[in-house]
Amino acid sequence: TKDIEAVLKSLKSKDRLKMAKIILLGASEGTILATMVAENENNNIDALFLVGYANDNLADIIKWQYQNSGENAMLVYKNFI
């Protein structure tokens, strides 16, 4: 969320975007992150679009993906964890 917030702050610092509305699009695990960013009132998020809402935490989602997608997917994820 800190990365997303940093991007939002950078965009809002530009004169041509100061009055722009901010709409976050979150898909799958991104629905968790977008919601967390929107919860912080300082971010001034105007709207959320959540696609494929994820109701579990990220650790449980990754475990589920590992169990249902095979080891190859987990090898990719482990580089980012």
PDB file of N, CA and C in Angstrom:
ATOM      1  N   THR A   1       0.819  -1.199   0.000  1.00  0.00           N
ATOM      2  CA  THR A   1       0.000   0.000   0.000  1.00  0.00           C
ATOM      3  C   THR A   1       0.861   1.261   0.000  1.00  0.00           C
ATOM      4  N   LYS A   2       1.999   1.176   0.643  1.00  0.00           N
ATOM      5  CA  LYS A   2       2.886   2.360   0.677  1.00  0.00           C
ATOM      6  C   LYS A   2       3.342   2.736  -0.735  1.00  0.00           C
ATOM      7  N   ASP A   3       3.604   1.732  -1.577  1.00  0.00           N
ATOM      8  CA  ASP A   3       4.003   2.011  -2.958  1.00  0.00           C
ATOM      9  C   ASP A   3       2.875   2.696  -3.723  1.00  0.00           C
ATOM     10  N   ILE A   4       1.662   2.197  -3.567  1.00  0.00           N
ATOM     11  CA  ILE A   4       0.505   2.794  -4.248  1.00  0.00           C
ATOM     12  C   ILE A   4       0.305   4.228  -3.770  1.00  0.00           C
ATOM     13  N   GLU A   5       0.409   4.427  -2.459  1.00  0.00           N
ATOM     14  CA  GLU A   5       0.246   5.766  -1.899  1.00  0.00           C
ATOM     15  C   GLU A   5       1.319   6.721  -2.413  1.00  0.00           C
ATOM     16  N   ALA A   6       2.544   6.238  -2.584  1.00  0.00           N
ATOM     17  CA  ALA A   6       3.623   7.072  -3.119  1.00  0.00           C
ATOM     18  C   ALA A   6       3.330   7.486  -4.562  1.00  0.00           C
ATOM     19  N   VAL A   7       2.798   6.557  -5.352  1.00  0.00           N
ATOM     20  CA  VAL A   7       2.435   6.880  -6.740  1.00  0.00           C
ATOM     21  C   VAL A   7       1.319   7.928  -6.759  1.00  0.00           C
ATOM     22  N   LEU A   8       0.315   7.747  -5.916  1.00  0.00           N
ATOM     23  CA  LEU A   8      -0.789   8.714  -5.855  1.00  0.00           C
ATOM     24  C   LEU A   8      -0.286  10.099  -5.478  1.00  0.00           C
ATOM     25  N   LYS A   9       0.596  10.160  -4.491  1.00  0.00           N
ATOM     26  CA  LYS A   9       1.160  11.447  -4.053  1.00  0.00           C
ATOM     27  C   LYS A   9       1.936  12.102  -5.193  1.00  0.00           C
ATOM     28  N   SER A  10       2.708  11.308  -5.911  1.00  0.00           N
ATOM     29  CA  SER A  10       3.475  11.832  -7.039  1.00  0.00           C
ATOM     30  C   SER A  10       2.560  12.384  -8.130  1.00  0.00           C
ATOM     31  N   LEU A  11       1.511  11.639  -8.449  1.00  0.00           N
ATOM     32  CA  LEU A  11       0.578  12.096  -9.485  1.00  0.00           C
ATOM     33  C   LEU A  11      -0.123  13.380  -9.067  1.00  0.00           C
ATOM     34  N   LYS A  12      -0.560  13.437  -7.806  1.00  0.00           N
ATOM     35  CA  LYS A  12      -1.272  14.627  -7.318  1.00  0.00           C
ATOM     36  C   LYS A  12      -0.364  15.849  -7.203  1.00  0.00           C
ATOM     37  N   SER A  13       0.953  15.649  -7.205  1.00  0.00           N
ATOM     38  CA  SER A  13       1.871  16.782  -7.117  1.00  0.00           C
ATOM     39  C   SER A  13       2.009  17.511  -8.452  1.00  0.00           C
ATOM     40  N   LYS A  14       1.530  16.902  -9.512  1.00  0.00           N
ATOM     41  CA  LYS A  14       1.605  17.520 -10.838  1.00  0.00           C
ATOM     42  C   LYS A  14       0.429  18.471 -11.015  1.00  0.00           C
ATOM     43  N   ASP A  15       0.708  19.680 -11.469  1.00  0.00           N
ATOM     44  CA  ASP A  15      -0.325  20.704 -11.587  1.00  0.00           C
ATOM     45  C   ASP A  15      -1.541  20.241 -12.387  1.00  0.00           C
ATOM     46  N   ARG A  16      -1.311  19.549 -13.491  1.00  0.00           N
ATOM     47  CA  ARG A  16      -2.432  19.165 -14.353  1.00  0.00           C
ATOM     48  C   ARG A  16      -3.298  18.055 -13.749  1.00  0.00           C
ATOM     49  N   LEU A  17      -2.819  17.425 -12.670  1.00  0.00           N
ATOM     50  CA  LEU A  17      -3.581  16.326 -12.061  1.00  0.00           C
ATOM     51  C   LEU A  17      -4.098  16.639 -10.658  1.00  0.00           C
ATOM     52  N   LYS A  18      -3.833  17.841 -10.164  1.00  0.00           N
ATOM     53  CA  LYS A  18      -4.227  18.185  -8.794  1.00  0.00           C
ATOM     54  C   LYS A  18      -5.711  18.006  -8.540  1.00  0.00           C
ATOM     55  N   MET A  19      -6.542  18.293  -9.519  1.00  0.00           N
ATOM     56  CA  MET A  19      -7.994  18.209  -9.342  1.00  0.00           C
ATOM     57  C   MET A  19      -8.583  16.919  -9.925  1.00  0.00           C
ATOM     58  N   ALA A  20      -7.726  16.038 -10.416  1.00  0.00           N
ATOM     59  CA  ALA A  20      -8.207  14.792 -11.027  1.00  0.00           C
ATOM     60  C   ALA A  20      -8.814  13.867  -9.975  1.00  0.00           C
ATOM     61  N   LYS A  21      -9.853  13.152 -10.378  1.00  0.00           N
ATOM     62  CA  LYS A  21     -10.437  12.140  -9.503  1.00  0.00           C
ATOM     63  C   LYS A  21      -9.566  10.891  -9.561  1.00  0.00           C
ATOM     64  N   ILE A  22      -9.466  10.215  -8.439  1.00  0.00           N
ATOM     65  CA  ILE A  22      -8.665   8.991  -8.353  1.00  0.00           C
ATOM     66  C   ILE A  22      -9.614   7.805  -8.232  1.00  0.00           C
ATOM     67  N   ILE A  23      -9.512   6.900  -9.191  1.00  0.00           N
ATOM     68  CA  ILE A  23     -10.298   5.669  -9.184  1.00  0.00           C
ATOM     69  C   ILE A  23      -9.308   4.508  -9.212  1.00  0.00           C
ATOM     70  N   LEU A  24      -9.393   3.646  -8.212  1.00  0.00           N
ATOM     71  CA  LEU A  24      -8.499   2.485  -8.150  1.00  0.00           C
ATOM     72  C   LEU A  24      -9.214   1.262  -8.718  1.00  0.00           C
ATOM     73  N   LEU A  25      -8.497   0.505  -9.515  1.00  0.00           N
ATOM     74  CA  LEU A  25      -8.984  -0.763 -10.045  1.00  0.00           C
ATOM     75  C   LEU A  25      -8.185  -1.868  -9.385  1.00  0.00           C
ATOM     76  N   GLY A  26      -8.871  -2.752  -8.691  1.00  0.00           N
ATOM     77  CA  GLY A  26      -8.201  -3.878  -8.056  1.00  0.00           C
ATOM     78  C   GLY A  26      -8.762  -5.172  -8.602  1.00  0.00           C
ATOM     79  N   ALA A  27      -7.881  -6.082  -8.982  1.00  0.00           N
ATOM     80  CA  ALA A  27      -8.301  -7.392  -9.482  1.00  0.00           C
ATOM     81  C   ALA A  27      -7.685  -8.475  -8.621  1.00  0.00           C
ATOM     82  N   SER A  28      -8.485  -9.448  -8.247  1.00  0.00           N
ATOM     83  CA  SER A  28      -8.041 -10.582  -7.433  1.00  0.00           C
ATOM     84  C   SER A  28      -7.376 -10.074  -6.163  1.00  0.00           C
ATOM     85  N   GLU A  29      -6.104 -10.403  -5.930  1.00  0.00           N
ATOM     86  CA  GLU A  29      -5.422  -9.941  -4.724  1.00  0.00           C
ATOM     87  C   GLU A  29      -5.343  -8.413  -4.661  1.00  0.00           C
ATOM     88  N   GLY A  30      -5.380  -7.769  -5.825  1.00  0.00           N
ATOM     89  CA  GLY A  30      -5.359  -6.306  -5.876  1.00  0.00           C
ATOM     90  C   GLY A  30      -6.576  -5.669  -5.238  1.00  0.00           C
ATOM     91  N   THR A  31      -7.669  -6.445  -5.090  1.00  0.00           N
ATOM     92  CA  THR A  31      -8.852  -5.893  -4.420  1.00  0.00           C
ATOM     93  C   THR A  31      -8.568  -5.639  -2.946  1.00  0.00           C
ATOM     94  N   ILE A  32      -7.704  -6.447  -2.366  1.00  0.00           N
ATOM     95  CA  ILE A  32      -7.324  -6.254  -0.961  1.00  0.00           C
ATOM     96  C   ILE A  32      -6.505  -4.975  -0.830  1.00  0.00           C
ATOM     97  N   LEU A  33      -5.527  -4.812  -1.713  1.00  0.00           N
ATOM     98  CA  LEU A  33      -4.649  -3.633  -1.650  1.00  0.00           C
ATOM     99  C   LEU A  33      -5.407  -2.346  -1.951  1.00  0.00           C
ATOM    100  N   ALA A  34      -6.245  -2.367  -2.983  1.00  0.00           N
ATOM    101  CA  ALA A  34      -7.006  -1.164  -3.345  1.00  0.00           C
ATOM    102  C   ALA A  34      -7.914  -0.737  -2.202  1.00  0.00           C
ATOM    103  N   THR A  35      -8.539  -1.706  -1.546  1.00  0.00           N
ATOM    104  CA  THR A  35      -9.417  -1.399  -0.422  1.00  0.00           C
ATOM    105  C   THR A  35      -8.631  -0.805   0.733  1.00  0.00           C
ATOM    106  N   MET A  36      -7.457  -1.354   1.008  1.00  0.00           N
ATOM    107  CA  MET A  36      -6.626  -0.832   2.095  1.00  0.00           C
ATOM    108  C   MET A  36      -6.196   0.607   1.810  1.00  0.00           C
ATOM    109  N   VAL A  37      -5.848   0.902   0.566  1.00  0.00           N
ATOM    110  CA  VAL A  37      -5.445   2.266   0.195  1.00  0.00           C
ATOM    111  C   VAL A  37      -6.634   3.214   0.331  1.00  0.00           C
ATOM    112  N   ALA A  38      -7.811   2.766  -0.096  1.00  0.00           N
ATOM    113  CA  ALA A  38      -9.005   3.616  -0.039  1.00  0.00           C
ATOM    114  C   ALA A  38      -9.458   3.878   1.388  1.00  0.00           C
ATOM    115  N   GLU A  39      -9.176   2.962   2.300  1.00  0.00           N
ATOM    116  CA  GLU A  39      -9.564   3.143   3.704  1.00  0.00           C
ATOM    117  C   GLU A  39      -8.857   4.341   4.339  1.00  0.00           C
ATOM    118  N   ASN A  40      -7.665   4.662   3.856  1.00  0.00           N
ATOM    119  CA  ASN A  40      -6.916   5.793   4.382  1.00  0.00           C
ATOM    120  C   ASN A  40      -7.481   7.076   3.763  1.00  0.00           C
ATOM    121  N   GLU A  41      -8.195   7.842   4.555  1.00  0.00           N
ATOM    122  CA  GLU A  41      -8.861   9.053   4.057  1.00  0.00           C
ATOM    123  C   GLU A  41      -7.886  10.069   3.468  1.00  0.00           C
ATOM    124  N   ASN A  42      -6.637  10.034   3.886  1.00  0.00           N
ATOM    125  CA  ASN A  42      -5.635  10.967   3.363  1.00  0.00           C
ATOM    126  C   ASN A  42      -5.349  10.743   1.881  1.00  0.00           C
ATOM    127  N   ASN A  43      -5.687   9.553   1.371  1.00  0.00           N
ATOM    128  CA  ASN A  43      -5.424   9.255  -0.041  1.00  0.00           C
ATOM    129  C   ASN A  43      -6.481   9.828  -0.978  1.00  0.00           C
ATOM    130  N   ASN A  44      -7.615  10.261  -0.439  1.00  0.00           N
ATOM    131  CA  ASN A  44      -8.682  10.892  -1.236  1.00  0.00           C
ATOM    132  C   ASN A  44      -9.061  10.077  -2.473  1.00  0.00           C
ATOM    133  N   ILE A  45      -9.398   8.822  -2.267  1.00  0.00           N
ATOM    134  CA  ILE A  45      -9.830   7.960  -3.367  1.00  0.00           C
ATOM    135  C   ILE A  45     -11.306   8.251  -3.646  1.00  0.00           C
ATOM    136  N   ASP A  46     -11.630   8.514  -4.914  1.00  0.00           N
ATOM    137  CA  ASP A  46     -12.999   8.855  -5.290  1.00  0.00           C
ATOM    138  C   ASP A  46     -13.870   7.638  -5.577  1.00  0.00           C
ATOM    139  N   ALA A  47     -13.258   6.557  -6.045  1.00  0.00           N
ATOM    140  CA  ALA A  47     -14.046   5.363  -6.364  1.00  0.00           C
ATOM    141  C   ALA A  47     -13.145   4.139  -6.416  1.00  0.00           C
ATOM    142  N   LEU A  48     -13.776   2.981  -6.228  1.00  0.00           N
ATOM    143  CA  LEU A  48     -13.093   1.693  -6.324  1.00  0.00           C
ATOM    144  C   LEU A  48     -13.828   0.820  -7.320  1.00  0.00           C
ATOM    145  N   PHE A  49     -13.090   0.128  -8.166  1.00  0.00           N
ATOM    146  CA  PHE A  49     -13.624  -0.933  -9.003  1.00  0.00           C
ATOM    147  C   PHE A  49     -12.908  -2.201  -8.580  1.00  0.00           C
ATOM    148  N   LEU A  50     -13.650  -3.159  -8.038  1.00  0.00           N
ATOM    149  CA  LEU A  50     -13.062  -4.397  -7.546  1.00  0.00           C
ATOM    150  C   LEU A  50     -13.535  -5.546  -8.418  1.00  0.00           C
ATOM    151  N   VAL A  51     -12.587  -6.242  -9.040  1.00  0.00           N
ATOM    152  CA  VAL A  51     -12.883  -7.323  -9.974  1.00  0.00           C
ATOM    153  C   VAL A  51     -12.345  -8.625  -9.402  1.00  0.00           C
ATOM    154  N   GLY A  52     -13.200  -9.616  -9.253  1.00  0.00           N
ATOM    155  CA  GLY A  52     -12.747 -10.891  -8.696  1.00  0.00           C
ATOM    156  C   GLY A  52     -12.307 -10.717  -7.259  1.00  0.00           C
ATOM    157  N   TYR A  53     -13.186 -10.145  -6.453  1.00  0.00           N
ATOM    158  CA  TYR A  53     -12.862  -9.801  -5.072  1.00  0.00           C
ATOM    159  C   TYR A  53     -12.265 -10.985  -4.315  1.00  0.00           C
ATOM    160  N   ALA A  54     -11.159 -10.753  -3.649  1.00  0.00           N
ATOM    161  CA  ALA A  54     -10.485 -11.773  -2.837  1.00  0.00           C
ATOM    162  C   ALA A  54     -10.884 -11.572  -1.382  1.00  0.00           C
ATOM    163  N   ASN A  55     -11.485 -12.589  -0.785  1.00  0.00           N
ATOM    164  CA  ASN A  55     -11.986 -12.469   0.581  1.00  0.00           C
ATOM    165  C   ASN A  55     -11.026 -13.024   1.622  1.00  0.00           C
ATOM    166  N   ASP A  56      -9.935 -13.643   1.191  1.00  0.00           N
ATOM    167  CA  ASP A  56      -8.955 -14.207   2.114  1.00  0.00           C
ATOM    168  C   ASP A  56      -7.726 -13.313   2.177  1.00  0.00           C
ATOM    169  N   ASN A  57      -6.844 -13.607   3.112  1.00  0.00           N
ATOM    170  CA  ASN A  57      -5.591 -12.854   3.159  1.00  0.00           C
ATOM    171  C   ASN A  57      -4.642 -13.396   2.085  1.00  0.00           C
ATOM    172  N   LEU A  58      -3.604 -12.628   1.765  1.00  0.00           N
ATOM    173  CA  LEU A  58      -2.705 -12.991   0.671  1.00  0.00           C
ATOM    174  C   LEU A  58      -1.993 -14.323   0.914  1.00  0.00           C
ATOM    175  N   ALA A  59      -1.632 -14.611   2.152  1.00  0.00           N
ATOM    176  CA  ALA A  59      -0.951 -15.882   2.441  1.00  0.00           C
ATOM    177  C   ALA A  59      -1.855 -17.062   2.101  1.00  0.00           C
ATOM    178  N   ASP A  60      -3.133 -16.994   2.489  1.00  0.00           N
ATOM    179  CA  ASP A  60      -4.066 -18.080   2.184  1.00  0.00           C
ATOM    180  C   ASP A  60      -4.330 -18.195   0.690  1.00  0.00           C
ATOM    181  N   ILE A  61      -4.369 -17.071  -0.011  1.00  0.00           N
ATOM    182  CA  ILE A  61      -4.580 -17.089  -1.465  1.00  0.00           C
ATOM    183  C   ILE A  61      -3.407 -17.783  -2.154  1.00  0.00           C
ATOM    184  N   ILE A  62      -2.189 -17.444  -1.736  1.00  0.00           N
ATOM    185  CA  ILE A  62      -1.004 -18.059  -2.347  1.00  0.00           C
ATOM    186  C   ILE A  62      -0.973 -19.557  -2.048  1.00  0.00           C
ATOM    187  N   LYS A  63      -1.334 -19.954  -0.817  1.00  0.00           N
ATOM    188  CA  LYS A  63      -1.401 -21.380  -0.491  1.00  0.00           C
ATOM    189  C   LYS A  63      -2.416 -22.091  -1.392  1.00  0.00           C
ATOM    190  N   TRP A  64      -3.578 -21.475  -1.580  1.00  0.00           N
ATOM    191  CA  TRP A  64      -4.610 -22.074  -2.428  1.00  0.00           C
ATOM    192  C   TRP A  64      -4.100 -22.204  -3.863  1.00  0.00           C
ATOM    193  N   GLN A  65      -3.443 -21.146  -4.361  1.00  0.00           N
ATOM    194  CA  GLN A  65      -2.927 -21.191  -5.730  1.00  0.00           C
ATOM    195  C   GLN A  65      -1.884 -22.292  -5.871  1.00  0.00           C
ATOM    196  N   TYR A  66      -1.066 -22.463  -4.846  1.00  0.00           N
ATOM    197  CA  TYR A  66      -0.044 -23.515  -4.884  1.00  0.00           C
ATOM    198  C   TYR A  66      -0.699 -24.891  -4.949  1.00  0.00           C
ATOM    199  N   GLN A  67      -1.722 -25.085  -4.137  1.00  0.00           N
ATOM    200  CA  GLN A  67      -2.399 -26.378  -4.097  1.00  0.00           C
ATOM    201  C   GLN A  67      -3.154 -26.666  -5.393  1.00  0.00           C
ATOM    202  N   ASN A  68      -3.628 -25.637  -6.078  1.00  0.00           N
ATOM    203  CA  ASN A  68      -4.456 -25.839  -7.259  1.00  0.00           C
ATOM    204  C   ASN A  68      -3.758 -25.545  -8.580  1.00  0.00           C
ATOM    205  N   SER A  69      -2.580 -24.946  -8.520  1.00  0.00           N
ATOM    206  CA  SER A  69      -1.894 -24.562  -9.755  1.00  0.00           C
ATOM    207  C   SER A  69      -0.587 -25.306  -9.971  1.00  0.00           C
ATOM    208  N   GLY A  70      -0.106 -25.973  -8.964  1.00  0.00           N
ATOM    209  CA  GLY A  70       1.151 -26.695  -9.113  1.00  0.00           C
ATOM    210  C   GLY A  70       2.342 -25.905  -8.617  1.00  0.00           C
ATOM    211  N   GLU A  71       3.463 -26.577  -8.549  1.00  0.00           N
ATOM    212  CA  GLU A  71       4.666 -25.994  -7.968  1.00  0.00           C
ATOM    213  C   GLU A  71       5.236 -24.857  -8.812  1.00  0.00           C
ATOM    214  N   ASN A  72       5.054 -24.881 -10.119  1.00  0.00           N
ATOM    215  CA  ASN A  72       5.651 -23.846 -10.968  1.00  0.00           C
ATOM    216  C   ASN A  72       5.212 -22.449 -10.570  1.00  0.00           C
ATOM    217  N   ALA A  73       3.934 -22.257 -10.244  1.00  0.00           N
ATOM    218  CA  ALA A  73       3.455 -20.937  -9.835  1.00  0.00           C
ATOM    219  C   ALA A  73       4.145 -20.496  -8.551  1.00  0.00           C
ATOM    220  N   MET A  74       4.334 -21.411  -7.616  1.00  0.00           N
ATOM    221  CA  MET A  74       4.969 -21.058  -6.353  1.00  0.00           C
ATOM    222  C   MET A  74       6.423 -20.666  -6.546  1.00  0.00           C
ATOM    223  N   LEU A  75       7.100 -21.274  -7.508  1.00  0.00           N
ATOM    224  CA  LEU A  75       8.490 -20.903  -7.786  1.00  0.00           C
ATOM    225  C   LEU A  75       8.577 -19.446  -8.241  1.00  0.00           C
ATOM    226  N   VAL A  76       7.597 -18.979  -8.982  1.00  0.00           N
ATOM    227  CA  VAL A  76       7.568 -17.576  -9.409  1.00  0.00           C
ATOM    228  C   VAL A  76       7.305 -16.670  -8.214  1.00  0.00           C
ATOM    229  N   TYR A  77       6.326 -17.022  -7.385  1.00  0.00           N
ATOM    230  CA  TYR A  77       5.952 -16.182  -6.241  1.00  0.00           C
ATOM    231  C   TYR A  77       7.066 -16.064  -5.219  1.00  0.00           C
ATOM    232  N   LYS A  78       7.807 -17.148  -4.987  1.00  0.00           N
ATOM    233  CA  LYS A  78       8.807 -17.114  -3.925  1.00  0.00           C
ATOM    234  C   LYS A  78       9.873 -16.055  -4.161  1.00  0.00           C
ATOM    235  N   ASN A  79      10.108 -15.679  -5.412  1.00  0.00           N
ATOM    236  CA  ASN A  79      11.084 -14.630  -5.700  1.00  0.00           C
ATOM    237  C   ASN A  79      10.628 -13.262  -5.212  1.00  0.00           C
ATOM    238  N   PHE A  80       9.316 -13.091  -5.026  1.00  0.00           N
ATOM    239  CA  PHE A  80       8.770 -11.806  -4.603  1.00  0.00           C
ATOM    240  C   PHE A  80       8.446 -11.758  -3.117  1.00  0.00           C
ATOM    241  N   ILE A  81       8.511 -12.896  -2.458  1.00  0.00           N
ATOM    242  CA  ILE A  81       8.121 -12.949  -1.029  1.00  0.00           C
ATOM    243  C   ILE A  81       9.361 -12.848  -0.153  1.00  0.00           C
TER     244      ILE A  81
END
